[in-house]
N, C-alpha and C. Protein backbone atom coordinates (compact mmCIF):
# COMPACT_ATOMS: atom_id res chain seq x y z
N MET A 1 0.79 -1.19 0.00
CA MET A 1 0.00 0.00 0.00
C MET A 1 0.85 1.27 0.00
N MET A 2 2.02 1.21 0.41
CA MET A 2 2.86 2.40 0.45
C MET A 2 3.34 2.83 -0.94
N ALA A 3 3.24 1.96 -1.91
CA ALA A 3 3.72 2.28 -3.25
C ALA A 3 2.86 3.33 -3.92
N LYS A 4 1.58 3.37 -3.64
CA LYS A 4 0.69 4.32 -4.28
C LYS A 4 1.01 5.77 -3.92
N PRO A 5 1.23 6.15 -2.66
CA PRO A 5 1.55 7.54 -2.36
C PRO A 5 2.85 8.01 -3.03
N VAL A 6 3.84 7.15 -3.14
CA VAL A 6 5.09 7.53 -3.80
C VAL A 6 4.82 7.80 -5.27
N ARG A 7 4.01 7.00 -5.88
CA ARG A 7 3.69 7.18 -7.29
C ARG A 7 2.94 8.49 -7.51
N LYS A 8 2.04 8.82 -6.62
CA LYS A 8 1.30 10.07 -6.73
C LYS A 8 2.24 11.26 -6.57
N ARG A 9 3.20 11.16 -5.67
CA ARG A 9 4.15 12.26 -5.48
C ARG A 9 5.02 12.43 -6.72
N LYS A 10 5.49 11.33 -7.29
CA LYS A 10 6.29 11.43 -8.51
C LYS A 10 5.48 12.08 -9.63
N PHE A 11 4.24 11.64 -9.74
CA PHE A 11 3.37 12.20 -10.78
C PHE A 11 3.13 13.69 -10.55
N SER A 12 2.94 14.09 -9.31
CA SER A 12 2.69 15.51 -9.04
C SER A 12 3.96 16.33 -9.27
N TYR A 13 5.14 15.77 -8.96
CA TYR A 13 6.39 16.48 -9.25
C TYR A 13 6.59 16.64 -10.75
N ILE A 14 6.33 15.58 -11.47
CA ILE A 14 6.47 15.64 -12.94
C ILE A 14 5.47 16.62 -13.52
N LEU A 15 4.25 16.59 -13.03
CA LEU A 15 3.23 17.51 -13.51
C LEU A 15 3.59 18.96 -13.17
N THR A 16 4.10 19.19 -11.97
CA THR A 16 4.52 20.53 -11.57
C THR A 16 5.68 21.01 -12.43
N LEU A 17 6.66 20.14 -12.65
CA LEU A 17 7.81 20.49 -13.47
C LEU A 17 7.39 20.80 -14.91
N ALA A 18 6.52 19.98 -15.45
CA ALA A 18 6.02 20.20 -16.81
C ALA A 18 5.25 21.52 -16.89
N SER A 19 4.47 21.81 -15.87
CA SER A 19 3.71 23.07 -15.86
C SER A 19 4.65 24.28 -15.80
N VAL A 20 5.68 24.18 -14.98
CA VAL A 20 6.65 25.28 -14.88
C VAL A 20 7.38 25.48 -16.20
N VAL A 21 7.79 24.40 -16.82
CA VAL A 21 8.47 24.49 -18.12
C VAL A 21 7.53 25.10 -19.17
N LEU A 22 6.30 24.66 -19.19
CA LEU A 22 5.34 25.19 -20.16
C LEU A 22 5.08 26.67 -19.94
N VAL A 23 4.87 27.07 -18.71
CA VAL A 23 4.63 28.48 -18.42
C VAL A 23 5.86 29.31 -18.77
N SER A 24 7.05 28.81 -18.45
CA SER A 24 8.28 29.53 -18.79
C SER A 24 8.41 29.70 -20.30
N PHE A 25 8.12 28.63 -21.03
CA PHE A 25 8.19 28.70 -22.49
C PHE A 25 7.19 29.73 -23.02
N LEU A 26 5.99 29.73 -22.50
CA LEU A 26 4.98 30.68 -22.95
C LEU A 26 5.37 32.13 -22.64
N VAL A 27 5.95 32.36 -21.48
CA VAL A 27 6.36 33.72 -21.12
C VAL A 27 7.48 34.20 -22.04
N VAL A 28 8.46 33.34 -22.31
CA VAL A 28 9.57 33.72 -23.20
C VAL A 28 9.04 33.95 -24.62
N SER A 29 8.16 33.08 -25.07
CA SER A 29 7.58 33.24 -26.41
C SER A 29 6.79 34.55 -26.52
N PHE A 30 6.02 34.85 -25.49
CA PHE A 30 5.24 36.08 -25.50
C PHE A 30 6.15 37.30 -25.53
N ALA A 31 7.22 37.29 -24.75
CA ALA A 31 8.16 38.41 -24.74
C ALA A 31 8.82 38.57 -26.10
N ASN A 32 9.18 37.46 -26.72
CA ASN A 32 9.80 37.50 -28.04
C ASN A 32 8.83 38.06 -29.08
N LEU A 33 7.60 37.59 -29.05
CA LEU A 33 6.61 38.08 -30.00
C LEU A 33 6.32 39.57 -29.79
N ARG A 34 6.32 39.97 -28.55
CA ARG A 34 6.07 41.38 -28.25
C ARG A 34 7.17 42.28 -28.80
N SER A 35 8.43 41.83 -28.67
CA SER A 35 9.53 42.63 -29.22
C SER A 35 9.47 42.67 -30.74
N GLN A 36 9.07 41.56 -31.35
CA GLN A 36 8.93 41.55 -32.81
C GLN A 36 7.82 42.49 -33.26
N VAL A 37 6.73 42.52 -32.52
CA VAL A 37 5.62 43.42 -32.85
C VAL A 37 6.09 44.87 -32.77
N LYS A 38 6.86 45.20 -31.72
CA LYS A 38 7.37 46.58 -31.59
C LYS A 38 8.27 46.94 -32.75
N GLU A 39 9.15 46.03 -33.15
CA GLU A 39 10.03 46.29 -34.29
C GLU A 39 9.23 46.51 -35.57
N LYS A 40 8.27 45.65 -35.80
CA LYS A 40 7.46 45.77 -37.02
C LYS A 40 6.62 47.05 -36.99
N GLN A 41 6.17 47.44 -35.81
CA GLN A 41 5.39 48.68 -35.69
C GLN A 41 6.26 49.88 -36.01
N ALA A 42 7.52 49.85 -35.58
CA ALA A 42 8.45 50.95 -35.89
C ALA A 42 8.71 51.01 -37.39
N VAL A 43 8.89 49.86 -38.01
CA VAL A 43 9.09 49.82 -39.47
C VAL A 43 7.85 50.35 -40.18
N LEU A 44 6.69 49.94 -39.71
CA LEU A 44 5.44 50.41 -40.31
C LEU A 44 5.30 51.92 -40.18
N ASN A 45 5.62 52.46 -39.01
CA ASN A 45 5.53 53.91 -38.81
C ASN A 45 6.47 54.65 -39.76
N ASP A 46 7.69 54.13 -39.94
CA ASP A 46 8.63 54.74 -40.87
C ASP A 46 8.09 54.71 -42.30
N LEU A 47 7.52 53.59 -42.68
CA LEU A 47 6.97 53.47 -44.03
C LEU A 47 5.77 54.39 -44.23
N VAL A 48 4.97 54.55 -43.21
CA VAL A 48 3.82 55.46 -43.31
C VAL A 48 4.32 56.90 -43.49
N LYS A 49 5.36 57.29 -42.74
CA LYS A 49 5.92 58.63 -42.89
C LYS A 49 6.47 58.84 -44.30
N GLN A 50 7.19 57.84 -44.80
CA GLN A 50 7.74 57.94 -46.15
C GLN A 50 6.62 58.06 -47.17
N CYS A 51 5.57 57.29 -46.98
CA CYS A 51 4.43 57.33 -47.90
C CYS A 51 3.77 58.71 -47.88
N GLU A 52 3.59 59.27 -46.68
CA GLU A 52 2.99 60.60 -46.57
C GLU A 52 3.86 61.66 -47.24
N GLN A 53 5.17 61.57 -47.05
CA GLN A 53 6.08 62.52 -47.68
C GLN A 53 6.01 62.40 -49.20
N GLN A 54 5.99 61.16 -49.69
CA GLN A 54 5.92 60.95 -51.13
C GLN A 54 4.60 61.46 -51.70
N GLU A 55 3.51 61.23 -50.98
CA GLU A 55 2.21 61.72 -51.44
C GLU A 55 2.19 63.25 -51.47
N SER A 56 2.80 63.87 -50.49
CA SER A 56 2.87 65.33 -50.46
C SER A 56 3.69 65.85 -51.63
N GLU A 57 4.82 65.20 -51.88
CA GLU A 57 5.66 65.62 -53.01
C GLU A 57 4.92 65.40 -54.33
N ASN A 58 4.22 64.29 -54.45
CA ASN A 58 3.45 64.02 -55.67
C ASN A 58 2.36 65.07 -55.88
N ALA A 59 1.68 65.43 -54.80
CA ALA A 59 0.63 66.44 -54.91
C ALA A 59 1.21 67.78 -55.34
N GLU A 60 2.37 68.12 -54.80
CA GLU A 60 3.03 69.38 -55.18
C GLU A 60 3.42 69.36 -56.65
N LEU A 61 3.97 68.25 -57.10
CA LEU A 61 4.36 68.15 -58.51
C LEU A 61 3.15 68.18 -59.43
N GLU A 62 2.08 67.52 -59.04
CA GLU A 62 0.86 67.55 -59.86
C GLU A 62 0.30 68.97 -59.94
N GLN A 63 0.34 69.67 -58.82
CA GLN A 63 -0.15 71.04 -58.79
C GLN A 63 0.69 71.93 -59.70
N MET A 64 1.99 71.74 -59.67
CA MET A 64 2.86 72.54 -60.54
C MET A 64 2.62 72.25 -62.01
N LEU A 65 2.40 70.99 -62.32
CA LEU A 65 2.14 70.64 -63.71
C LEU A 65 0.80 71.21 -64.18
N GLU A 66 -0.19 71.21 -63.30
CA GLU A 66 -1.50 71.76 -63.67
C GLU A 66 -1.43 73.27 -63.88
N LYS A 67 -0.66 73.95 -63.05
CA LYS A 67 -0.58 75.40 -63.15
C LYS A 67 0.40 75.86 -64.22
N GLY A 68 1.19 74.96 -64.74
CA GLY A 68 2.14 75.34 -65.78
C GLY A 68 3.37 76.03 -65.25
N SER A 69 3.69 75.87 -63.98
CA SER A 69 4.86 76.52 -63.42
C SER A 69 6.05 75.57 -63.37
N GLU A 70 6.13 74.70 -64.34
CA GLU A 70 7.22 73.73 -64.39
C GLU A 70 8.56 74.45 -64.54
N LYS A 71 8.59 75.52 -65.32
CA LYS A 71 9.83 76.26 -65.53
C LYS A 71 10.31 76.86 -64.20
N GLU A 72 9.38 77.43 -63.44
CA GLU A 72 9.75 77.99 -62.14
C GLU A 72 10.26 76.89 -61.20
N TYR A 73 9.62 75.74 -61.26
CA TYR A 73 10.06 74.62 -60.42
C TYR A 73 11.48 74.20 -60.78
N ILE A 74 11.75 74.07 -62.07
CA ILE A 74 13.08 73.66 -62.52
C ILE A 74 14.11 74.71 -62.13
N GLU A 75 13.78 75.98 -62.27
CA GLU A 75 14.71 77.04 -61.88
C GLU A 75 14.98 77.00 -60.37
N ARG A 76 13.95 76.75 -59.59
CA ARG A 76 14.14 76.68 -58.14
C ARG A 76 15.02 75.50 -57.76
N ILE A 77 14.80 74.35 -58.36
CA ILE A 77 15.62 73.18 -58.09
C ILE A 77 17.07 73.45 -58.52
N ASP A 78 17.23 74.06 -59.68
CA ASP A 78 18.58 74.38 -60.16
C ASP A 78 19.33 75.28 -59.19
N SER A 79 18.66 76.31 -58.71
CA SER A 79 19.36 77.25 -57.83
C SER A 79 19.51 76.72 -56.41
N ASP A 80 18.46 76.12 -55.85
CA ASP A 80 18.50 75.68 -54.46
C ASP A 80 19.34 74.42 -54.24
N GLU A 81 19.12 73.42 -55.07
CA GLU A 81 19.77 72.14 -54.83
C GLU A 81 21.06 71.95 -55.62
N LEU A 82 21.11 72.51 -56.81
CA LEU A 82 22.28 72.28 -57.66
C LEU A 82 23.27 73.45 -57.63
N GLY A 83 22.85 74.58 -57.12
CA GLY A 83 23.75 75.73 -56.99
C GLY A 83 23.95 76.52 -58.28
N TYR A 84 23.10 76.31 -59.27
CA TYR A 84 23.22 77.06 -60.52
C TYR A 84 22.69 78.48 -60.34
N VAL A 85 23.20 79.40 -61.18
CA VAL A 85 22.71 80.78 -61.18
C VAL A 85 22.37 81.17 -62.61
N MET A 86 21.48 82.14 -62.72
CA MET A 86 21.09 82.64 -64.03
C MET A 86 22.17 83.59 -64.53
N PRO A 87 22.31 83.76 -65.84
CA PRO A 87 23.28 84.72 -66.36
C PRO A 87 23.00 86.12 -65.83
N GLY A 88 24.03 86.76 -65.32
CA GLY A 88 23.90 88.10 -64.78
C GLY A 88 23.42 88.14 -63.34
N GLU A 89 23.07 87.03 -62.77
CA GLU A 89 22.58 86.98 -61.40
C GLU A 89 23.77 86.92 -60.45
N ARG A 90 23.68 87.65 -59.36
CA ARG A 90 24.74 87.63 -58.35
C ARG A 90 24.23 86.92 -57.10
N VAL A 91 25.04 86.05 -56.58
CA VAL A 91 24.69 85.31 -55.38
C VAL A 91 25.64 85.74 -54.28
N TYR A 92 25.07 86.14 -53.17
CA TYR A 92 25.86 86.55 -52.02
C TYR A 92 25.74 85.48 -50.94
N ILE A 93 26.89 85.10 -50.39
CA ILE A 93 26.91 84.10 -49.34
C ILE A 93 27.36 84.77 -48.05
N ASP A 94 26.55 84.63 -47.02
CA ASP A 94 26.85 85.21 -45.73
C ASP A 94 27.81 84.28 -44.98
N ILE A 95 29.05 84.72 -44.81
CA ILE A 95 30.04 83.88 -44.13
C ILE A 95 30.22 84.29 -42.67
N SER A 96 29.50 85.29 -42.23
CA SER A 96 29.67 85.77 -40.86
C SER A 96 28.96 84.91 -39.83
N SER A 97 27.97 84.14 -40.22
CA SER A 97 27.19 83.36 -39.26
C SER A 97 27.96 82.15 -38.76
N GLY A 98 28.89 81.63 -39.52
CA GLY A 98 29.70 80.51 -39.11
C GLY A 98 29.00 79.18 -39.16
N ASP A 99 27.86 79.05 -39.79
CA ASP A 99 27.13 77.77 -39.90
C ASP A 99 27.81 76.88 -40.88
């Protein structure tokens, strides 16, 4: 008759150990999934910002094409981004600010 209580204790220890291992696995898995969700959310937010910027730029370009101010746009890009100047135009650079 003494064999039965020992068997029940072994079974309860094994069941307790299995439960602890299962819960530990679930907690680690949940933490891992949560970090992946945060990473993907950050990537999604970056992509949404890029999409909004591109849509804004597209709207600006469409507006310029509709109004016929493409020449003004090209001149602005030439002077602002490429550093070109028109013939006879003088460009003054302020060197006192130290920027």
